[in-house]
Amino acid sequence: MNMNFADAPTGGNFKTIPDGTLLFGQLLVKPYNLDQGVIEKPAKDPSSTWRGLDYDIKVIGGEFDGQELRYNHLTTSHEKQDVVDIGRSNIRAILETGKKASQKNPAGYSISSYADLHGLLVAVEVKEETYKDKVNAKVGKFLSANPEGQYHKQFLELMNNYGGTIPNVPPVEPMAGRETSNNSNSTNTAPAAGNGSWDSDAPATAESKGDGNFPF
């Protein structure tokens, strides 16, 4: 087979997604070692309790449909509880949008594995970061569909940008196997692998109570 790429584009034709842009997307978990059932990324220092969840976001709909917010991570374990709480708060918002979790649907706050987050619909606000003189679009905030959740006011604005509708997410292949914990010695951690829950004890930033109507 002979393939000729002389007429291929010289570079990507995607525009950088501006800082502050509100988007719907699909969360794509990037497991550390799926063959061994390890979803969370461990710290380079084996004595550290830090663990994190790497992920990308693939934009759904709008001007930037199909583009990705890449190289993001959530901290799932850390020596400092306030750092863990940031990650837990973000996962709570993910579940309030992707699994319709709320006080009326408390089961939506529970996951059996971090792999359950793979493929969920998310609502985000973009943050620009500069690395080695290159501007990259990253996840700045996770918005919540729950009127009592974090950044719900921005979620309503996002829905308005999408004509009052919430897009469907394309199907994804489920992750094979189950995750295992990389470090069982940490005291300040998110729920252990295989028993995840971000219910009433998870931090939530309710900037706006919205109109009281759950938008699903």
Protein backbone atom coordinates (compact mmCIF):
# COMPACT_ATOMS: atom_id res chain seq x y z
CA MET A 1 0.00 0.00 0.00
CA ASN A 2 1.27 3.46 -0.93
CA MET A 3 -0.06 6.46 0.99
CA ASN A 4 0.73 10.06 0.07
CA PHE A 5 0.22 12.86 2.58
CA ALA A 6 1.51 15.76 0.49
CA ASP A 7 -1.91 17.40 0.49
CA ALA A 8 -2.50 16.94 4.23
CA PRO A 9 -3.02 20.09 6.33
CA THR A 10 0.19 21.54 7.77
CA GLY A 11 -1.37 21.97 11.19
CA GLY A 12 -4.53 21.61 13.19
CA ASN A 13 -7.43 23.82 12.17
CA PHE A 14 -8.96 23.96 15.65
CA LYS A 15 -9.19 27.33 17.36
CA THR A 16 -8.09 27.60 20.96
CA ILE A 17 -11.15 27.61 23.19
CA PRO A 18 -11.22 31.01 24.95
CA ASP A 19 -10.92 31.42 28.69
CA GLY A 20 -14.31 31.45 30.41
CA THR A 21 -16.16 29.55 27.67
CA LEU A 22 -19.01 27.36 28.96
CA LEU A 23 -19.30 23.93 27.36
CA PHE A 24 -21.01 20.59 27.53
CA GLY A 25 -18.71 17.64 27.05
CA GLN A 26 -18.08 13.99 27.71
CA LEU A 27 -15.67 12.97 30.45
CA LEU A 28 -13.11 10.42 29.28
CA VAL A 29 -11.20 8.81 32.15
CA LYS A 30 -7.57 7.95 31.40
CA PRO A 31 -6.70 4.99 33.64
CA TYR A 32 -3.17 4.68 34.97
CA ASN A 33 -2.94 0.93 34.31
CA LEU A 34 -6.21 -0.60 33.19
CA ASP A 35 -4.70 -4.06 32.70
CA GLN A 36 -3.95 -4.17 36.42
CA GLY A 37 -7.22 -2.49 37.35
CA VAL A 38 -5.52 0.71 38.54
CA ILE A 39 -7.48 3.81 37.57
CA GLU A 40 -5.83 6.41 39.81
CA LYS A 41 -2.38 7.76 39.06
CA PRO A 42 0.03 7.27 41.98
CA ALA A 43 2.60 9.76 43.22
CA LYS A 44 6.17 9.37 42.01
CA ASP A 45 7.23 9.33 45.66
CA PRO A 46 6.07 5.95 47.06
CA SER A 47 5.80 7.44 50.55
CA SER A 48 3.26 10.04 49.41
CA THR A 49 -0.47 9.53 49.86
CA TRP A 50 -1.26 11.59 46.74
CA ARG A 51 -3.34 9.97 44.03
CA GLY A 52 -5.11 11.54 41.08
CA LEU A 53 -7.53 10.79 38.29
CA ASP A 54 -6.41 11.82 34.80
CA TYR A 55 -9.10 12.67 32.27
CA ASP A 56 -9.93 14.49 29.05
CA ILE A 57 -13.15 16.27 28.09
CA LYS A 58 -14.51 15.93 24.55
CA VAL A 59 -16.71 18.90 23.66
CA ILE A 60 -20.27 18.14 22.55
CA GLY A 61 -22.07 20.64 20.32
CA GLY A 62 -21.49 24.31 19.65
CA GLU A 63 -18.61 26.04 17.91
CA PHE A 64 -15.97 23.77 19.42
CA ASP A 65 -17.74 20.44 18.89
CA GLY A 66 -15.30 17.54 18.88
CA GLN A 67 -12.36 19.41 20.40
CA GLU A 68 -10.79 18.14 23.60
CA LEU A 69 -9.71 19.69 26.86
CA ARG A 70 -6.71 17.52 27.57
CA TYR A 71 -4.30 16.69 30.40
CA ASN A 72 -6.65 17.38 33.31
CA HIS A 73 -6.63 15.64 36.66
CA LEU A 74 -8.61 15.44 39.88
CA THR A 75 -6.90 14.82 43.21
CA THR A 76 -8.49 11.83 44.93
CA SER A 77 -6.06 11.42 47.84
CA HIS A 78 -3.76 13.89 49.58
CA GLU A 79 -2.19 14.61 52.96
CA LYS A 80 -4.31 17.78 53.25
CA GLN A 81 -8.06 17.31 53.54
CA ASP A 82 -8.88 20.66 51.91
CA VAL A 83 -7.07 19.53 48.75
CA VAL A 84 -9.07 16.29 48.74
CA ASP A 85 -12.27 18.27 49.24
CA ILE A 86 -11.66 20.20 46.03
CA GLY A 87 -11.52 16.96 44.07
CA ARG A 88 -14.56 15.55 45.86
CA SER A 89 -16.52 18.73 45.21
CA ASN A 90 -15.74 18.49 41.51
CA ILE A 91 -16.80 14.84 41.38
CA ARG A 92 -20.03 15.77 43.15
CA ALA A 93 -20.75 18.33 40.41
CA ILE A 94 -19.91 15.74 37.74
CA LEU A 95 -22.46 13.35 39.24
CA GLU A 96 -25.10 16.07 39.59
CA THR A 97 -24.90 16.65 35.85
CA GLY A 98 -23.95 13.24 34.50
CA LYS A 99 -26.07 11.06 36.82
CA LYS A 100 -28.73 13.62 37.80
CA ALA A 101 -27.72 13.29 41.44
CA SER A 102 -29.69 15.41 43.91
CA GLN A 103 -31.50 15.14 47.22
CA LYS A 104 -34.38 13.64 45.24
CA ASN A 105 -32.00 11.18 43.57
CA PRO A 106 -29.38 10.36 46.22
CA ALA A 107 -28.42 7.13 44.45
CA GLY A 108 -26.86 9.28 41.75
CA TYR A 109 -24.08 10.28 44.16
CA SER A 110 -22.77 6.71 44.46
CA ILE A 111 -20.29 5.00 42.16
CA SER A 112 -18.73 1.57 42.50
CA SER A 113 -15.49 2.64 40.81
CA TYR A 114 -13.88 5.76 39.39
CA ALA A 115 -14.32 4.01 36.05
CA ASP A 116 -18.05 4.76 36.41
CA LEU A 117 -17.26 8.41 35.63
CA HIS A 118 -16.07 7.43 32.14
CA GLY A 119 -18.44 8.65 29.45
CA LEU A 120 -20.60 10.89 31.66
CA LEU A 121 -21.98 14.20 30.43
CA VAL A 122 -20.29 17.16 32.12
CA ALA A 123 -20.72 20.91 32.06
CA VAL A 124 -17.55 22.96 32.41
CA GLU A 125 -16.07 26.43 32.30
CA VAL A 126 -12.79 26.63 30.41
CA LYS A 127 -9.59 28.00 31.92
CA GLU A 128 -6.59 28.92 29.79
CA GLU A 129 -3.16 27.85 31.02
CA THR A 130 0.19 28.71 29.47
CA TYR A 131 2.88 26.04 29.42
CA LYS A 132 6.16 26.48 27.56
CA ASP A 133 4.77 29.53 25.75
CA LYS A 134 1.76 27.57 24.50
CA VAL A 135 -1.79 28.40 25.58
CA ASN A 136 -3.89 25.35 26.44
CA ALA A 137 -7.59 25.11 27.22
CA LYS A 138 -8.22 23.20 30.46
CA VAL A 139 -11.13 22.55 32.78
CA GLY A 140 -11.50 25.49 35.15
CA LYS A 141 -14.80 24.62 36.86
CA PHE A 142 -17.35 21.83 36.80
CA LEU A 143 -20.88 23.23 36.67
CA SER A 144 -23.82 21.49 38.31
CA ALA A 145 -27.30 20.76 36.97
CA ASN A 146 -28.55 20.59 40.55
CA PRO A 147 -30.05 23.93 41.66
CA GLU A 148 -28.31 23.45 45.01
CA GLY A 149 -24.99 22.46 43.43
CA GLN A 150 -21.88 24.46 42.64
CA TYR A 151 -21.93 26.98 39.81
CA HIS A 152 -25.57 26.26 38.91
CA LYS A 153 -26.02 29.83 37.70
CA GLN A 154 -23.38 29.22 35.03
CA PHE A 155 -25.06 25.91 34.18
CA LEU A 156 -28.31 27.73 33.41
CA GLU A 157 -26.36 30.17 31.23
CA LEU A 158 -24.80 27.23 29.41
CA MET A 159 -28.21 25.67 28.80
CA ASN A 160 -29.41 28.95 27.35
CA ASN A 161 -26.41 28.93 25.00
CA TYR A 162 -27.50 25.48 23.83
CA GLY A 163 -31.07 26.61 23.15
CA GLY A 164 -32.42 25.33 26.44
CA THR A 165 -31.50 21.73 25.70
CA ILE A 166 -29.00 19.28 27.13
CA PRO A 167 -27.06 17.26 24.55
CA ASN A 168 -26.89 13.49 24.49
CA VAL A 169 -23.53 11.82 24.99
CA PRO A 170 -22.32 9.22 22.50
CA PRO A 171 -21.86 5.67 23.80
CA VAL A 172 -18.44 4.62 25.06
CA GLU A 173 -16.98 1.21 25.69
CA PRO A 174 -17.10 0.44 29.42
CA MET A 175 -13.75 -0.01 31.10
CA ALA A 176 -12.86 -3.64 31.69
CA GLY A 177 -11.93 -4.87 35.13
CA ARG A 178 -12.17 -3.10 38.47
CA GLU A 179 -9.92 -0.53 39.99
CA THR A 180 -7.76 -1.18 43.00
CA SER A 181 -6.32 1.28 45.49
CA ASN A 182 -2.70 2.33 44.99
CA ASN A 183 -2.26 3.40 48.59
CA SER A 184 -4.27 2.14 51.54
CA ASN A 185 -2.40 4.15 54.18
CA SER A 186 -3.89 7.58 53.57
CA THR A 187 -6.31 9.05 56.10
CA ASN A 188 -7.42 11.99 53.96
CA THR A 189 -8.89 10.31 50.92
CA ALA A 190 -11.95 10.24 48.78
CA PRO A 191 -14.09 7.10 49.18
CA ALA A 192 -12.11 3.92 48.65
CA ALA A 193 -12.13 2.30 45.27
CA GLY A 194 -15.18 0.15 44.78
CA ASN A 195 -17.26 2.19 47.23
CA GLY A 196 -17.47 5.75 45.99
CA SER A 197 -20.05 8.19 47.29
CA TRP A 198 -20.35 11.97 47.07
CA ASP A 199 -23.62 12.41 48.94
CA SER A 200 -24.43 14.94 51.64
CA ASP A 201 -20.90 14.92 53.10
CA ALA A 202 -19.26 16.13 49.89
CA PRO A 203 -18.49 19.85 49.71
CA ALA A 204 -20.74 21.90 47.47
CA THR A 205 -20.46 25.54 46.49
CA ALA A 206 -23.97 26.83 45.93
CA GLU A 207 -23.47 30.22 44.33
CA SER A 208 -27.02 30.22 43.01
CA LYS A 209 -30.11 28.33 44.08
CA GLY A 210 -31.51 28.68 40.57
CA ASP A 211 -35.24 28.55 40.05
CA GLY A 212 -35.73 25.37 42.06
CA ASN A 213 -36.52 23.26 39.02
CA PHE A 214 -34.16 20.39 38.23
CA PRO A 215 -33.50 20.82 34.50
CA PHE A 216 -33.85 17.19 33.39
